[in-house]
Amino acid sequence: MTPTQMTEFVDTLYAACGAGDWETAESMLTTDFVAYEADALPMAGEYRGKAGLRELFGVAMGMADVVGLDRTDLLLSEDRAIAVLTMRFADPALKPAELCEMFTFRDGLCCEIKPYYYEPSAFQAAAAAKAEAV
């Protein structure tokens, strides 16, 4: 994939997930796709297969009231892209979560996503705030 194709791919995948367009999102993933979440996060685990991203999105967004995911940069290599992101929450008193997501591509599709949270406590606080409100 060219750098332009990778950039368009990542932005299209984020837009599809944000809009709940899982048909488009799943068409962009390999059958053996996997997304990993670190043990420090409440949604820890491996999310596998074309439906894995939808499952992860439902779990994570169900835990916290995320109102925006802003991509500020995208670093590219031959078969990987790292998106630099800020996750904003509905409660403006909550600190946004800063993270990077590493995408691995194979044959024009995404086969793996690994997120890295700068301070997992930001997402943990948002999840705790939502749990208290319920």
N, C-alpha and C. Protein backbone atom coordinates (compact mmCIF):
# COMPACT_ATOMS: atom_id res chain seq x y z
N MET A 1 0.85 -1.18 0.00
CA MET A 1 0.00 0.00 0.00
C MET A 1 0.90 1.25 0.00
N THR A 2 0.45 2.24 -0.71
CA THR A 2 1.18 3.50 -0.72
C THR A 2 0.85 4.27 0.55
N PRO A 3 1.67 5.27 0.89
CA PRO A 3 1.33 6.10 2.06
C PRO A 3 -0.06 6.74 1.95
N THR A 4 -0.42 7.18 0.78
CA THR A 4 -1.75 7.78 0.59
C THR A 4 -2.84 6.74 0.83
N GLN A 5 -2.65 5.54 0.31
CA GLN A 5 -3.64 4.47 0.51
C GLN A 5 -3.77 4.10 1.99
N MET A 6 -2.64 4.04 2.70
CA MET A 6 -2.69 3.72 4.13
C MET A 6 -3.43 4.81 4.91
N THR A 7 -3.14 6.06 4.58
CA THR A 7 -3.81 7.18 5.26
C THR A 7 -5.31 7.12 5.02
N GLU A 8 -5.71 6.93 3.77
CA GLU A 8 -7.14 6.83 3.45
C GLU A 8 -7.78 5.62 4.13
N PHE A 9 -7.05 4.52 4.19
CA PHE A 9 -7.55 3.30 4.82
C PHE A 9 -7.85 3.55 6.29
N VAL A 10 -6.87 4.09 7.02
CA VAL A 10 -7.04 4.33 8.45
C VAL A 10 -8.20 5.29 8.70
N ASP A 11 -8.25 6.39 7.95
CA ASP A 11 -9.33 7.36 8.15
C ASP A 11 -10.69 6.77 7.80
N THR A 12 -10.76 5.95 6.76
CA THR A 12 -12.02 5.30 6.40
C THR A 12 -12.45 4.30 7.47
N LEU A 13 -11.51 3.56 8.01
CA LEU A 13 -11.85 2.59 9.06
C LEU A 13 -12.36 3.29 10.31
N TYR A 14 -11.69 4.38 10.72
CA TYR A 14 -12.19 5.14 11.87
C TYR A 14 -13.59 5.69 11.61
N ALA A 15 -13.81 6.23 10.41
CA ALA A 15 -15.12 6.80 10.08
C ALA A 15 -16.19 5.72 10.08
N ALA A 16 -15.88 4.56 9.51
CA ALA A 16 -16.86 3.47 9.47
C ALA A 16 -17.23 3.01 10.88
N CYS A 17 -16.23 2.82 11.73
CA CYS A 17 -16.50 2.39 13.12
C CYS A 17 -17.31 3.45 13.86
N GLY A 18 -16.94 4.70 13.69
CA GLY A 18 -17.65 5.79 14.38
C GLY A 18 -19.10 5.90 13.95
N ALA A 19 -19.38 5.56 12.69
CA ALA A 19 -20.75 5.64 12.17
C ALA A 19 -21.52 4.34 12.38
N GLY A 20 -20.85 3.33 12.92
CA GLY A 20 -21.51 2.04 13.09
C GLY A 20 -21.69 1.29 11.79
N ASP A 21 -20.88 1.62 10.78
CA ASP A 21 -20.95 0.95 9.47
C ASP A 21 -20.04 -0.28 9.52
N TRP A 22 -20.54 -1.32 10.15
CA TRP A 22 -19.72 -2.51 10.37
C TRP A 22 -19.52 -3.33 9.11
N GLU A 23 -20.39 -3.19 8.14
CA GLU A 23 -20.19 -3.88 6.86
C GLU A 23 -18.91 -3.35 6.20
N THR A 24 -18.77 -2.03 6.16
CA THR A 24 -17.56 -1.44 5.58
C THR A 24 -16.34 -1.79 6.42
N ALA A 25 -16.45 -1.62 7.73
CA ALA A 25 -15.30 -1.89 8.61
C ALA A 25 -14.83 -3.34 8.46
N GLU A 26 -15.75 -4.28 8.50
CA GLU A 26 -15.37 -5.69 8.43
C GLU A 26 -14.80 -6.07 7.06
N SER A 27 -15.18 -5.35 6.01
CA SER A 27 -14.63 -5.62 4.68
C SER A 27 -13.17 -5.18 4.58
N MET A 28 -12.70 -4.41 5.55
CA MET A 28 -11.34 -3.89 5.56
C MET A 28 -10.40 -4.74 6.41
N LEU A 29 -10.93 -5.80 7.01
CA LEU A 29 -10.16 -6.64 7.93
C LEU A 29 -9.93 -8.03 7.36
N THR A 30 -8.80 -8.63 7.72
CA THR A 30 -8.54 -10.02 7.33
C THR A 30 -9.41 -10.95 8.18
N THR A 31 -9.58 -12.16 7.71
CA THR A 31 -10.40 -13.12 8.48
C THR A 31 -9.74 -13.47 9.81
N ASP A 32 -8.40 -13.37 9.86
CA ASP A 32 -7.69 -13.66 11.12
C ASP A 32 -7.30 -12.40 11.88
N PHE A 33 -8.04 -11.31 11.64
CA PHE A 33 -7.79 -10.04 12.32
C PHE A 33 -7.78 -10.22 13.84
N VAL A 34 -6.94 -9.43 14.51
CA VAL A 34 -6.94 -9.42 15.97
C VAL A 34 -6.63 -8.00 16.47
N ALA A 35 -7.39 -7.58 17.46
CA ALA A 35 -7.11 -6.32 18.17
C ALA A 35 -6.81 -6.71 19.61
N TYR A 36 -5.75 -6.12 20.14
CA TYR A 36 -5.32 -6.41 21.50
C TYR A 36 -5.59 -5.20 22.39
N GLU A 37 -6.02 -5.46 23.60
CA GLU A 37 -6.12 -4.41 24.63
C GLU A 37 -5.32 -4.87 25.83
N ALA A 38 -4.52 -3.98 26.37
CA ALA A 38 -3.59 -4.31 27.46
C ALA A 38 -4.33 -4.66 28.76
N ASP A 39 -3.66 -5.43 29.58
CA ASP A 39 -4.24 -5.86 30.86
C ASP A 39 -4.56 -4.69 31.78
N ALA A 40 -3.93 -3.54 31.59
CA ALA A 40 -4.18 -2.37 32.44
C ALA A 40 -5.52 -1.70 32.14
N LEU A 41 -6.19 -2.13 31.10
CA LEU A 41 -7.44 -1.49 30.70
C LEU A 41 -8.64 -2.37 31.04
N PRO A 42 -9.79 -1.76 31.31
CA PRO A 42 -10.96 -2.56 31.68
C PRO A 42 -11.49 -3.44 30.55
N MET A 43 -11.11 -3.15 29.32
CA MET A 43 -11.54 -3.97 28.18
C MET A 43 -10.43 -4.90 27.70
N ALA A 44 -9.54 -5.26 28.62
CA ALA A 44 -8.37 -6.10 28.31
C ALA A 44 -8.78 -7.37 27.56
N GLY A 45 -7.92 -7.78 26.64
CA GLY A 45 -8.14 -9.04 25.96
C GLY A 45 -7.80 -8.97 24.49
N GLU A 46 -8.13 -10.05 23.82
CA GLU A 46 -7.93 -10.17 22.38
C GLU A 46 -9.30 -10.25 21.73
N TYR A 47 -9.46 -9.50 20.67
CA TYR A 47 -10.72 -9.46 19.93
C TYR A 47 -10.42 -9.94 18.52
N ARG A 48 -10.92 -11.12 18.17
CA ARG A 48 -10.48 -11.81 16.96
C ARG A 48 -11.56 -11.92 15.89
N GLY A 49 -11.09 -12.01 14.65
CA GLY A 49 -11.97 -12.21 13.51
C GLY A 49 -12.55 -10.91 13.00
N LYS A 50 -13.25 -10.99 11.89
CA LYS A 50 -13.83 -9.79 11.29
C LYS A 50 -14.78 -9.07 12.24
N ALA A 51 -15.45 -9.80 13.12
CA ALA A 51 -16.37 -9.18 14.08
C ALA A 51 -15.65 -8.71 15.34
N GLY A 52 -14.36 -8.98 15.45
CA GLY A 52 -13.61 -8.62 16.65
C GLY A 52 -13.57 -7.12 16.92
N LEU A 53 -13.41 -6.33 15.87
CA LEU A 53 -13.36 -4.88 16.05
C LEU A 53 -14.70 -4.34 16.52
N ARG A 54 -15.79 -4.88 15.98
CA ARG A 54 -17.13 -4.47 16.42
C ARG A 54 -17.33 -4.82 17.89
N GLU A 55 -16.88 -6.02 18.27
CA GLU A 55 -17.00 -6.44 19.67
C GLU A 55 -16.21 -5.50 20.58
N LEU A 56 -14.97 -5.21 20.22
CA LEU A 56 -14.14 -4.31 21.02
C LEU A 56 -14.77 -2.93 21.10
N PHE A 57 -15.23 -2.41 20.00
CA PHE A 57 -15.86 -1.09 19.97
C PHE A 57 -17.06 -1.05 20.92
N GLY A 58 -17.88 -2.09 20.87
CA GLY A 58 -19.05 -2.14 21.74
C GLY A 58 -18.68 -2.20 23.20
N VAL A 59 -17.67 -3.00 23.53
CA VAL A 59 -17.22 -3.11 24.92
C VAL A 59 -16.64 -1.78 25.40
N ALA A 60 -15.69 -1.23 24.66
CA ALA A 60 -15.01 -0.01 25.09
C ALA A 60 -15.96 1.18 25.13
N MET A 61 -16.76 1.36 24.10
CA MET A 61 -17.67 2.51 24.07
C MET A 61 -18.81 2.33 25.07
N GLY A 62 -19.12 1.08 25.41
CA GLY A 62 -20.12 0.83 26.43
C GLY A 62 -19.63 1.16 27.84
N MET A 63 -18.30 1.18 28.01
CA MET A 63 -17.70 1.46 29.31
C MET A 63 -17.52 2.94 29.58
N ALA A 64 -17.34 3.72 28.53
CA ALA A 64 -17.04 5.15 28.69
C ALA A 64 -17.85 5.94 27.67
N ASP A 65 -18.23 7.14 28.04
CA ASP A 65 -18.98 8.01 27.14
C ASP A 65 -18.01 8.79 26.26
N VAL A 66 -17.54 8.13 25.20
CA VAL A 66 -16.59 8.75 24.27
C VAL A 66 -17.39 9.60 23.29
N VAL A 67 -17.00 10.87 23.14
CA VAL A 67 -17.69 11.76 22.21
C VAL A 67 -16.82 12.13 21.02
N GLY A 68 -15.55 11.79 21.07
CA GLY A 68 -14.70 12.11 19.94
C GLY A 68 -13.38 11.37 19.99
N LEU A 69 -12.89 11.06 18.82
CA LEU A 69 -11.59 10.44 18.67
C LEU A 69 -10.88 11.24 17.58
N ASP A 70 -9.92 12.05 17.99
CA ASP A 70 -9.24 12.95 17.07
C ASP A 70 -7.87 12.41 16.70
N ARG A 71 -7.65 12.18 15.40
CA ARG A 71 -6.35 11.73 14.92
C ARG A 71 -5.52 12.96 14.59
N THR A 72 -4.39 13.10 15.28
CA THR A 72 -3.55 14.27 15.08
C THR A 72 -2.34 13.98 14.21
N ASP A 73 -1.98 12.71 14.08
CA ASP A 73 -0.82 12.37 13.26
C ASP A 73 -0.95 10.92 12.82
N LEU A 74 -0.20 10.59 11.78
CA LEU A 74 -0.17 9.21 11.29
C LEU A 74 1.24 8.94 10.80
N LEU A 75 1.88 7.98 11.43
CA LEU A 75 3.24 7.60 11.07
C LEU A 75 3.16 6.32 10.25
N LEU A 76 3.88 6.27 9.13
CA LEU A 76 3.74 5.17 8.19
C LEU A 76 5.07 4.47 7.93
N SER A 77 4.97 3.15 7.75
CA SER A 77 6.12 2.36 7.29
C SER A 77 5.62 1.49 6.14
N GLU A 78 6.37 0.47 5.80
CA GLU A 78 5.99 -0.36 4.66
C GLU A 78 4.67 -1.09 4.87
N ASP A 79 4.45 -1.65 6.05
CA ASP A 79 3.21 -2.40 6.29
C ASP A 79 2.55 -2.04 7.62
N ARG A 80 2.90 -0.90 8.16
CA ARG A 80 2.31 -0.46 9.43
C ARG A 80 2.01 1.03 9.40
N ALA A 81 1.00 1.40 10.19
CA ALA A 81 0.67 2.80 10.42
C ALA A 81 0.43 2.97 11.90
N ILE A 82 0.90 4.07 12.45
CA ILE A 82 0.64 4.37 13.86
C ILE A 82 -0.12 5.68 13.91
N ALA A 83 -1.35 5.60 14.38
CA ALA A 83 -2.21 6.78 14.51
C ALA A 83 -2.05 7.35 15.92
N VAL A 84 -1.80 8.65 15.99
CA VAL A 84 -1.72 9.37 17.26
C VAL A 84 -3.10 9.97 17.51
N LEU A 85 -3.70 9.63 18.65
CA LEU A 85 -5.10 9.96 18.90
C LEU A 85 -5.32 10.63 20.25
N THR A 86 -6.38 11.41 20.31
CA THR A 86 -6.91 11.93 21.56
C THR A 86 -8.36 11.50 21.64
N MET A 87 -8.71 10.79 22.72
CA MET A 87 -10.07 10.33 22.96
C MET A 87 -10.72 11.28 23.95
N ARG A 88 -11.81 11.93 23.51
CA ARG A 88 -12.52 12.87 24.36
C ARG A 88 -13.78 12.23 24.92
N PHE A 89 -14.11 12.60 26.16
CA PHE A 89 -15.25 12.03 26.87
C PHE A 89 -16.35 13.07 27.03
N ALA A 90 -17.59 12.61 27.24
CA ALA A 90 -18.74 13.50 27.37
C ALA A 90 -18.58 14.47 28.52
N ASP A 91 -18.04 14.03 29.62
CA ASP A 91 -17.84 14.89 30.79
C ASP A 91 -16.56 15.70 30.57
N PRO A 92 -16.68 17.02 30.36
CA PRO A 92 -15.49 17.84 30.10
C PRO A 92 -14.52 17.90 31.28
N ALA A 93 -14.97 17.48 32.45
CA ALA A 93 -14.07 17.45 33.61
C ALA A 93 -13.09 16.29 33.54
N LEU A 94 -13.39 15.32 32.70
CA LEU A 94 -12.50 14.17 32.55
C LEU A 94 -11.36 14.50 31.60
N LYS A 95 -10.16 14.11 32.00
CA LYS A 95 -8.99 14.30 31.15
C LYS A 95 -9.11 13.41 29.91
N PRO A 96 -8.85 13.95 28.71
CA PRO A 96 -8.86 13.10 27.52
C PRO A 96 -7.79 12.01 27.61
N ALA A 97 -8.05 10.91 26.94
CA ALA A 97 -7.06 9.82 26.87
C ALA A 97 -6.19 10.04 25.64
N GLU A 98 -4.89 9.97 25.84
CA GLU A 98 -3.95 10.06 24.73
C GLU A 98 -3.46 8.66 24.42
N LEU A 99 -3.49 8.29 23.14
CA LEU A 99 -3.08 6.95 22.77
C LEU A 99 -2.56 6.92 21.35
N CYS A 100 -1.92 5.82 21.04
CA CYS A 100 -1.50 5.51 19.67
C CYS A 100 -2.07 4.14 19.35
N GLU A 101 -2.45 3.97 18.10
CA GLU A 101 -2.89 2.65 17.64
C GLU A 101 -2.01 2.24 16.48
N MET A 102 -1.41 1.05 16.59
CA MET A 102 -0.57 0.53 15.53
C MET A 102 -1.38 -0.45 14.68
N PHE A 103 -1.50 -0.12 13.41
CA PHE A 103 -2.19 -0.96 12.43
C PHE A 103 -1.15 -1.75 11.65
N THR A 104 -1.39 -3.04 11.47
CA THR A 104 -0.54 -3.86 10.61
C THR A 104 -1.39 -4.30 9.43
N PHE A 105 -0.83 -4.14 8.23
CA PHE A 105 -1.54 -4.45 6.99
C PHE A 105 -0.95 -5.68 6.31
N ARG A 106 -1.83 -6.43 5.67
CA ARG A 106 -1.41 -7.57 4.86
C ARG A 106 -2.37 -7.67 3.68
N ASP A 107 -1.81 -7.68 2.48
CA ASP A 107 -2.61 -7.82 1.25
C ASP A 107 -3.72 -6.78 1.15
N GLY A 108 -3.41 -5.54 1.56
CA GLY A 108 -4.37 -4.45 1.44
C GLY A 108 -5.45 -4.40 2.49
N LEU A 109 -5.34 -5.25 3.51
CA LEU A 109 -6.32 -5.28 4.59
C LEU A 109 -5.60 -5.14 5.93
N CYS A 110 -6.35 -4.80 6.96
CA CYS A 110 -5.78 -4.70 8.30
C CYS A 110 -5.88 -6.07 8.97
N CYS A 111 -4.74 -6.54 9.49
CA CYS A 111 -4.74 -7.84 10.16
C CYS A 111 -4.55 -7.71 11.67
N GLU A 112 -4.15 -6.50 12.15
CA GLU A 112 -3.90 -6.35 13.59
C GLU A 112 -3.95 -4.88 13.98
N ILE A 113 -4.50 -4.64 15.16
CA ILE A 113 -4.45 -3.30 15.78
C ILE A 113 -4.01 -3.49 17.22
N LYS A 114 -2.99 -2.71 17.59
CA LYS A 114 -2.50 -2.70 18.97
C LYS A 114 -2.51 -1.27 19.47
N PRO A 115 -3.38 -0.94 20.44
CA PRO A 115 -3.38 0.41 21.02
C PRO A 115 -2.41 0.51 22.19
N TYR A 116 -1.86 1.68 22.35
CA TYR A 116 -0.96 1.99 23.46
C TYR A 116 -1.45 3.28 24.12
N TYR A 117 -1.92 3.20 25.34
CA TYR A 117 -2.42 4.36 26.07
C TYR A 117 -1.27 4.99 26.85
N TYR A 118 -1.10 6.31 26.70
CA TYR A 118 -0.05 7.01 27.42
C TYR A 118 -0.30 6.90 28.92
N GLU A 119 -1.51 7.20 29.34
CA GLU A 119 -1.92 7.05 30.74
C GLU A 119 -3.23 6.28 30.76
N PRO A 120 -3.20 4.98 30.98
CA PRO A 120 -4.45 4.21 31.01
C PRO A 120 -5.44 4.76 32.03
N SER A 121 -4.96 5.47 33.02
CA SER A 121 -5.83 6.00 34.06
C SER A 121 -6.89 6.95 33.49
N ALA A 122 -6.64 7.61 32.37
CA ALA A 122 -7.63 8.50 31.78
C ALA A 122 -8.86 7.72 31.32
N PHE A 123 -8.64 6.59 30.64
CA PHE A 123 -9.77 5.77 30.22
C PHE A 123 -10.42 5.11 31.43
N GLN A 124 -9.61 4.65 32.37
CA GLN A 124 -10.15 4.02 33.58
C GLN A 124 -11.06 4.99 34.33
N ALA A 125 -10.67 6.27 34.41
CA ALA A 125 -11.49 7.28 35.10
C ALA A 125 -12.80 7.50 34.37
N ALA A 126 -12.76 7.51 33.05
CA ALA A 126 -13.99 7.69 32.27
C ALA A 126 -14.93 6.50 32.45
N ALA A 127 -14.36 5.31 32.49
CA ALA A 127 -15.18 4.10 32.70
C ALA A 127 -15.78 4.11 34.10
N ALA A 128 -15.01 4.52 35.09
CA ALA A 128 -15.52 4.59 36.47
C ALA A 128 -16.62 5.64 36.58
N ALA A 129 -16.45 6.77 35.91
CA ALA A 129 -17.47 7.82 35.96
C ALA A 129 -18.78 7.36 35.35
N LYS A 130 -18.70 6.63 34.25
CA LYS A 130 -19.91 6.12 33.62
C LYS A 130 -20.56 5.06 34.51
N ALA A 131 -19.77 4.19 35.12
CA ALA A 131 -20.31 3.16 36.01
C ALA A 131 -21.03 3.78 37.20
N GLU A 132 -20.48 4.87 37.72
CA GLU A 132 -21.11 5.57 38.87
C GLU A 132 -22.41 6.21 38.46
N ALA A 133 -22.48 6.71 37.22
CA ALA A 133 -23.68 7.41 36.75
C ALA A 133 -24.83 6.45 36.48
N VAL A 134 -24.52 5.18 36.30
CA VAL A 134 -25.57 4.19 35.95
C VAL A 134 -26.29 3.71 37.16
